[in-house]
Amino acid sequence: MHDQGEHFTDGSILLPPDLVQRWERQIATPYPSLPEAEKQSDREQVLRYLPLVIDAIVIAARQHESGS
């Protein structure tokens, strides 16, 4: 998403209005109602980030068990 916008020196990013409108529509649409291509895109994103989430959960569980 960040690659789609114009980056400024203050760290902000200006996103194109058409993309914001598309993403807002997707957010407001129940998953079963999304077109198959958008569902597949969601699945690909989950597969991309799921290992990071699992690692974070494992680390948190270990810290909790050790009392840290």
C-alpha atoms as a PDB file:
ATOM      1  CA  MET A   1       0.000   0.000   0.000  1.00  0.00           C
ATOM      2  CA  HIS A   2       2.746   2.438   0.920  1.00  0.00           C
ATOM      3  CA  ASP A   3       4.406   1.967  -2.453  1.00  0.00           C
ATOM      4  CA  GLN A   4       1.250   3.305  -4.113  1.00  0.00           C
ATOM      5  CA  GLY A   5       1.551   6.773  -2.606  1.00  0.00           C
ATOM      6  CA  GLU A   6       3.673   9.898  -2.866  1.00  0.00           C
ATOM      7  CA  HIS A   7       6.209  10.080  -0.029  1.00  0.00           C
ATOM      8  CA  PHE A   8       7.123  13.361   1.673  1.00  0.00           C
ATOM      9  CA  THR A   9      10.159  14.314   3.730  1.00  0.00           C
ATOM     10  CA  ASP A  10       8.067  14.574   6.926  1.00  0.00           C
ATOM     11  CA  GLY A  11       7.283  10.851   6.649  1.00  0.00           C
ATOM     12  CA  SER A  12       3.727  11.275   5.425  1.00  0.00           C
ATOM     13  CA  ILE A  13       2.328   9.562   2.354  1.00  0.00           C
ATOM     14  CA  LEU A  14      -0.367  10.891   0.010  1.00  0.00           C
ATOM     15  CA  LEU A  15      -2.439   8.043  -1.408  1.00  0.00           C
ATOM     16  CA  PRO A  16      -4.291   8.345  -4.721  1.00  0.00           C
ATOM     17  CA  PRO A  17      -8.039   8.934  -4.177  1.00  0.00           C
ATOM     18  CA  ASP A  18      -9.077   6.052  -6.437  1.00  0.00           C
ATOM     19  CA  LEU A  19      -7.089   3.584  -4.344  1.00  0.00           C
ATOM     20  CA  VAL A  20      -8.479   4.974  -1.095  1.00  0.00           C
ATOM     21  CA  GLN A  21     -12.017   4.625  -2.480  1.00  0.00           C
ATOM     22  CA  ARG A  22     -11.327   1.043  -3.571  1.00  0.00           C
ATOM     23  CA  TRP A  23      -9.856   0.104  -0.189  1.00  0.00           C
ATOM     24  CA  GLU A  24     -12.743   1.750   1.658  1.00  0.00           C
ATOM     25  CA  ARG A  25     -15.193  -0.268  -0.454  1.00  0.00           C
ATOM     26  CA  GLN A  26     -13.272  -3.447   0.272  1.00  0.00           C
ATOM     27  CA  ILE A  27     -13.219  -2.713   4.018  1.00  0.00           C
ATOM     28  CA  ALA A  28     -16.987  -2.138   4.026  1.00  0.00           C
ATOM     29  CA  THR A  29     -17.712  -5.331   2.060  1.00  0.00           C
ATOM     30  CA  PRO A  30     -18.243  -8.593   3.983  1.00  0.00           C
ATOM     31  CA  TYR A  31     -15.583 -11.118   2.970  1.00  0.00           C
ATOM     32  CA  PRO A  32     -18.055 -13.579   1.377  1.00  0.00           C
ATOM     33  CA  SER A  33     -19.306 -10.783  -0.888  1.00  0.00           C
ATOM     34  CA  LEU A  34     -15.883  -9.831  -2.253  1.00  0.00           C
ATOM     35  CA  PRO A  35     -15.005 -10.898  -5.794  1.00  0.00           C
ATOM     36  CA  GLU A  36     -12.838 -14.016  -5.923  1.00  0.00           C
ATOM     37  CA  ALA A  37      -9.779 -12.036  -7.081  1.00  0.00           C
ATOM     38  CA  GLU A  38      -9.980  -9.804  -4.004  1.00  0.00           C
ATOM     39  CA  LYS A  39     -10.418 -12.817  -1.731  1.00  0.00           C
ATOM     40  CA  GLN A  40      -7.326 -14.385  -3.285  1.00  0.00           C
ATOM     41  CA  SER A  41      -5.384 -11.173  -2.742  1.00  0.00           C
ATOM     42  CA  ASP A  42      -6.421 -11.259   0.930  1.00  0.00           C
ATOM     43  CA  ARG A  43      -5.287 -14.878   1.218  1.00  0.00           C
ATOM     44  CA  GLU A  44      -1.911 -14.010  -0.285  1.00  0.00           C
ATOM     45  CA  GLN A  45      -1.451 -11.171   2.209  1.00  0.00           C
ATOM     46  CA  VAL A  46      -2.339 -13.468   5.114  1.00  0.00           C
ATOM     47  CA  LEU A  47       0.188 -16.050   3.946  1.00  0.00           C
ATOM     48  CA  ARG A  48       2.799 -13.304   3.670  1.00  0.00           C
ATOM     49  CA  TYR A  49       2.314 -12.023   7.228  1.00  0.00           C
ATOM     50  CA  LEU A  50       1.128 -15.115   9.103  1.00  0.00           C
ATOM     51  CA  PRO A  51       4.671 -16.321   9.945  1.00  0.00           C
ATOM     52  CA  LEU A  52       5.408 -12.951  11.579  1.00  0.00           C
ATOM     53  CA  VAL A  53       2.228 -13.142  13.643  1.00  0.00           C
ATOM     54  CA  ILE A  54       3.002 -16.707  14.720  1.00  0.00           C
ATOM     55  CA  ASP A  55       6.544 -15.726  15.728  1.00  0.00           C
ATOM     56  CA  ALA A  56       5.220 -12.792  17.776  1.00  0.00           C
ATOM     57  CA  ILE A  57       2.729 -15.064  19.561  1.00  0.00           C
ATOM     58  CA  VAL A  58       5.414 -17.641  20.334  1.00  0.00           C
ATOM     59  CA  ILE A  59       7.768 -14.965  21.705  1.00  0.00           C
ATOM     60  CA  ALA A  60       5.001 -13.451  23.835  1.00  0.00           C
ATOM     61  CA  ALA A  61       4.031 -16.877  25.191  1.00  0.00           C
ATOM     62  CA  ARG A  62       7.634 -17.671  26.101  1.00  0.00           C
ATOM     63  CA  GLN A  63       8.013 -14.322  27.849  1.00  0.00           C
ATOM     64  CA  HIS A  64       4.792 -14.899  29.734  1.00  0.00           C
ATOM     65  CA  GLU A  65       5.913 -18.378  30.807  1.00  0.00           C
ATOM     66  CA  SER A  66       9.277 -17.086  32.019  1.00  0.00           C
ATOM     67  CA  GLY A  67       7.650 -14.222  33.929  1.00  0.00           C
ATOM     68  CA  SER A  68       9.356 -11.520  31.863  1.00  0.00           C
END
